[in-house]
Amino acid sequence: MSARNSKLKSATTPQELESRYRKIFETAEVGLWEEDYSQVKAELDLLRQRGVSDFRDYFSRNPQEVIRLAGLIRVLDANAQALKLVIAVTIASLLPDGKNEGPVYGWQRYRLPPRSYGDRIS
């Protein structure tokens, strides 16, 4: 067993695992964001229940929905490297009006999904 696997197996409590992955998140040399898309998923599920089966077509005809759905994405956390990318001092400075909601960058990031994307949502 490698030293890495041994260390993972020795960290058995949820608190130990949380601490380990928190350290990895905070010290990574790449920008990492933790975002919550659960409200977006719920809205997509509602659209599907209402009969939307071709999301590409639906969003092409309703581009304001892309903006609205992007506004439902919540930023939960970002590491130091991610903050450097957007020249932010703290995570709070990324959030509109200090609230933990809404997109942190322009809605243009949210391009129309590939045709198969809507089919993979379950």
C-alpha atoms as a PDB file:
ATOM      1  CA  MET A   1       0.000   0.000   0.000  1.00  0.00           C
ATOM      2  CA  SER A   2       1.389   3.393  -0.933  1.00  0.00           C
ATOM      3  CA  ALA A   3       1.991   6.065   1.703  1.00  0.00           C
ATOM      4  CA  ARG A   4      -0.796   8.110   0.094  1.00  0.00           C
ATOM      5  CA  ASN A   5      -3.346   5.295   0.367  1.00  0.00           C
ATOM      6  CA  SER A   6      -2.209   4.566   3.897  1.00  0.00           C
ATOM      7  CA  LYS A   7      -2.760   8.195   4.882  1.00  0.00           C
ATOM      8  CA  LEU A   8      -6.216   8.206   3.294  1.00  0.00           C
ATOM      9  CA  LYS A   9      -7.182   5.039   5.157  1.00  0.00           C
ATOM     10  CA  SER A  10      -5.914   6.476   8.456  1.00  0.00           C
ATOM     11  CA  ALA A  11      -8.143   9.551   8.067  1.00  0.00           C
ATOM     12  CA  THR A  12     -11.325   7.736   8.923  1.00  0.00           C
ATOM     13  CA  THR A  13     -13.563  10.318  10.544  1.00  0.00           C
ATOM     14  CA  PRO A  14     -15.560  12.769   8.454  1.00  0.00           C
ATOM     15  CA  GLN A  15     -13.809  15.629  10.265  1.00  0.00           C
ATOM     16  CA  GLU A  16     -10.371  14.276   9.329  1.00  0.00           C
ATOM     17  CA  LEU A  17     -11.396  13.871   5.705  1.00  0.00           C
ATOM     18  CA  GLU A  18     -12.934  17.361   5.651  1.00  0.00           C
ATOM     19  CA  SER A  19      -9.725  18.810   7.075  1.00  0.00           C
ATOM     20  CA  ARG A  20      -7.603  16.973   4.513  1.00  0.00           C
ATOM     21  CA  TYR A  21      -9.669  18.075   1.530  1.00  0.00           C
ATOM     22  CA  ARG A  22     -10.019  21.626   2.885  1.00  0.00           C
ATOM     23  CA  LYS A  23      -6.215  21.876   2.992  1.00  0.00           C
ATOM     24  CA  ILE A  24      -5.959  20.565  -0.583  1.00  0.00           C
ATOM     25  CA  PHE A  25      -8.621  23.061  -1.729  1.00  0.00           C
ATOM     26  CA  GLU A  26      -6.987  26.025  -0.010  1.00  0.00           C
ATOM     27  CA  THR A  27      -3.408  25.273  -1.085  1.00  0.00           C
ATOM     28  CA  ALA A  28      -4.015  24.175  -4.680  1.00  0.00           C
ATOM     29  CA  GLU A  29      -2.007  26.155  -7.209  1.00  0.00           C
ATOM     30  CA  VAL A  30      -5.003  26.413  -9.529  1.00  0.00           C
ATOM     31  CA  GLY A  31      -8.186  28.372  -9.035  1.00  0.00           C
ATOM     32  CA  LEU A  32     -10.970  26.265  -7.576  1.00  0.00           C
ATOM     33  CA  TRP A  33     -14.576  27.334  -7.106  1.00  0.00           C
ATOM     34  CA  GLU A  34     -17.252  25.556  -5.159  1.00  0.00           C
ATOM     35  CA  GLU A  35     -20.621  26.429  -6.624  1.00  0.00           C
ATOM     36  CA  ASP A  36     -24.116  25.192  -5.864  1.00  0.00           C
ATOM     37  CA  TYR A  37     -26.189  24.410  -8.962  1.00  0.00           C
ATOM     38  CA  SER A  38     -29.054  22.730  -7.097  1.00  0.00           C
ATOM     39  CA  GLN A  39     -31.545  25.508  -7.853  1.00  0.00           C
ATOM     40  CA  VAL A  40     -30.610  25.367 -11.549  1.00  0.00           C
ATOM     41  CA  LYS A  41     -31.183  21.608 -11.570  1.00  0.00           C
ATOM     42  CA  ALA A  42     -34.573  22.057  -9.897  1.00  0.00           C
ATOM     43  CA  GLU A  43     -35.580  24.608 -12.550  1.00  0.00           C
ATOM     44  CA  LEU A  44     -34.408  22.325 -15.377  1.00  0.00           C
ATOM     45  CA  ASP A  45     -36.440  19.496 -13.864  1.00  0.00           C
ATOM     46  CA  LEU A  46     -39.513  21.760 -13.842  1.00  0.00           C
ATOM     47  CA  LEU A  47     -38.961  22.669 -17.481  1.00  0.00           C
ATOM     48  CA  ARG A  48     -38.720  18.986 -18.348  1.00  0.00           C
ATOM     49  CA  GLN A  49     -41.973  18.307 -16.452  1.00  0.00           C
ATOM     50  CA  ARG A  50     -43.598  21.077 -18.482  1.00  0.00           C
ATOM     51  CA  GLY A  51     -42.644  19.271 -21.674  1.00  0.00           C
ATOM     52  CA  VAL A  52     -39.321  20.862 -22.648  1.00  0.00           C
ATOM     53  CA  SER A  53     -37.225  18.125 -24.217  1.00  0.00           C
ATOM     54  CA  ASP A  54     -34.904  20.114 -26.488  1.00  0.00           C
ATOM     55  CA  PHE A  55     -33.036  22.466 -24.157  1.00  0.00           C
ATOM     56  CA  ARG A  56     -30.890  23.897 -26.954  1.00  0.00           C
ATOM     57  CA  ASP A  57     -33.998  24.968 -28.847  1.00  0.00           C
ATOM     58  CA  TYR A  58     -35.736  26.209 -25.699  1.00  0.00           C
ATOM     59  CA  PHE A  59     -32.778  28.373 -24.627  1.00  0.00           C
ATOM     60  CA  SER A  60     -32.289  29.658 -28.191  1.00  0.00           C
ATOM     61  CA  ARG A  61     -35.892  30.881 -28.143  1.00  0.00           C
ATOM     62  CA  ASN A  62     -35.687  32.076 -24.503  1.00  0.00           C
ATOM     63  CA  PRO A  63     -32.194  33.537 -23.951  1.00  0.00           C
ATOM     64  CA  GLN A  64     -33.406  35.446 -20.884  1.00  0.00           C
ATOM     65  CA  GLU A  65     -33.841  32.049 -19.205  1.00  0.00           C
ATOM     66  CA  VAL A  66     -30.089  31.437 -19.481  1.00  0.00           C
ATOM     67  CA  ILE A  67     -29.486  34.669 -17.603  1.00  0.00           C
ATOM     68  CA  ARG A  68     -32.131  33.843 -15.010  1.00  0.00           C
ATOM     69  CA  LEU A  69     -30.754  30.347 -14.431  1.00  0.00           C
ATOM     70  CA  ALA A  70     -27.186  31.653 -14.182  1.00  0.00           C
ATOM     71  CA  GLY A  71     -28.428  33.947 -11.434  1.00  0.00           C
ATOM     72  CA  LEU A  72     -29.475  30.899  -9.421  1.00  0.00           C
ATOM     73  CA  ILE A  73     -25.903  29.603  -9.149  1.00  0.00           C
ATOM     74  CA  ARG A  74     -24.534  30.198  -5.671  1.00  0.00           C
ATOM     75  CA  VAL A  75     -20.836  30.620  -4.972  1.00  0.00           C
ATOM     76  CA  LEU A  76     -20.047  28.664  -1.817  1.00  0.00           C
ATOM     77  CA  ASP A  77     -16.289  29.096  -1.691  1.00  0.00           C
ATOM     78  CA  ALA A  78     -13.216  29.927  -3.753  1.00  0.00           C
ATOM     79  CA  ASN A  79      -9.570  29.322  -2.983  1.00  0.00           C
ATOM     80  CA  ALA A  80      -6.817  31.970  -2.985  1.00  0.00           C
ATOM     81  CA  GLN A  81      -5.772  31.217  -6.569  1.00  0.00           C
ATOM     82  CA  ALA A  82      -9.341  31.713  -7.816  1.00  0.00           C
ATOM     83  CA  LEU A  83      -9.510  35.020  -5.980  1.00  0.00           C
ATOM     84  CA  LYS A  84      -6.281  36.100  -7.662  1.00  0.00           C
ATOM     85  CA  LEU A  85      -7.815  35.316 -11.045  1.00  0.00           C
ATOM     86  CA  VAL A  86     -10.586  37.796 -10.466  1.00  0.00           C
ATOM     87  CA  ILE A  87      -8.412  40.190  -8.445  1.00  0.00           C
ATOM     88  CA  ALA A  88     -10.613  39.824  -5.405  1.00  0.00           C
ATOM     89  CA  VAL A  89      -9.409  40.218  -1.867  1.00  0.00           C
ATOM     90  CA  THR A  90     -12.033  38.035  -0.202  1.00  0.00           C
ATOM     91  CA  ILE A  91     -14.825  35.714  -1.238  1.00  0.00           C
ATOM     92  CA  ALA A  92     -17.299  38.332   0.034  1.00  0.00           C
ATOM     93  CA  SER A  93     -16.071  40.762  -2.620  1.00  0.00           C
ATOM     94  CA  LEU A  94     -17.212  38.312  -5.302  1.00  0.00           C
ATOM     95  CA  LEU A  95     -20.771  38.266  -4.091  1.00  0.00           C
ATOM     96  CA  PRO A  96     -23.276  40.907  -5.160  1.00  0.00           C
ATOM     97  CA  ASP A  97     -24.230  43.098  -2.193  1.00  0.00           C
ATOM     98  CA  GLY A  98     -22.404  40.713   0.132  1.00  0.00           C
ATOM     99  CA  LYS A  99     -24.999  37.999  -0.490  1.00  0.00           C
ATOM    100  CA  ASN A 100     -24.047  34.436  -1.269  1.00  0.00           C
ATOM    101  CA  GLU A 101     -26.037  34.232  -4.466  1.00  0.00           C
ATOM    102  CA  GLY A 102     -25.935  35.024  -8.138  1.00  0.00           C
ATOM    103  CA  PRO A 103     -23.238  34.709 -10.769  1.00  0.00           C
ATOM    104  CA  VAL A 104     -19.855  36.184 -10.018  1.00  0.00           C
ATOM    105  CA  TYR A 105     -19.069  36.963 -13.616  1.00  0.00           C
ATOM    106  CA  GLY A 106     -20.986  37.873 -16.711  1.00  0.00           C
ATOM    107  CA  TRP A 107     -23.734  35.568 -17.925  1.00  0.00           C
ATOM    108  CA  GLN A 108     -21.765  35.092 -21.154  1.00  0.00           C
ATOM    109  CA  ARG A 109     -19.912  32.279 -19.366  1.00  0.00           C
ATOM    110  CA  TYR A 110     -23.103  30.251 -19.592  1.00  0.00           C
ATOM    111  CA  ARG A 111     -23.243  29.298 -23.240  1.00  0.00           C
ATOM    112  CA  LEU A 112     -25.907  27.007 -24.574  1.00  0.00           C
ATOM    113  CA  PRO A 113     -25.228  23.429 -23.547  1.00  0.00           C
ATOM    114  CA  PRO A 114     -24.382  20.749 -26.070  1.00  0.00           C
ATOM    115  CA  ARG A 115     -27.442  19.014 -27.421  1.00  0.00           C
ATOM    116  CA  SER A 116     -26.882  15.992 -25.183  1.00  0.00           C
ATOM    117  CA  TYR A 117     -26.550  18.036 -21.966  1.00  0.00           C
ATOM    118  CA  GLY A 118     -30.261  18.224 -21.268  1.00  0.00           C
ATOM    119  CA  ASP A 119     -30.565  14.506 -21.788  1.00  0.00           C
ATOM    120  CA  ARG A 120     -27.997  13.815 -19.074  1.00  0.00           C
ATOM    121  CA  ILE A 121     -29.848  15.745 -16.392  1.00  0.00           C
ATOM    122  CA  SER A 122     -31.524  13.286 -14.050  1.00  0.00           C
END
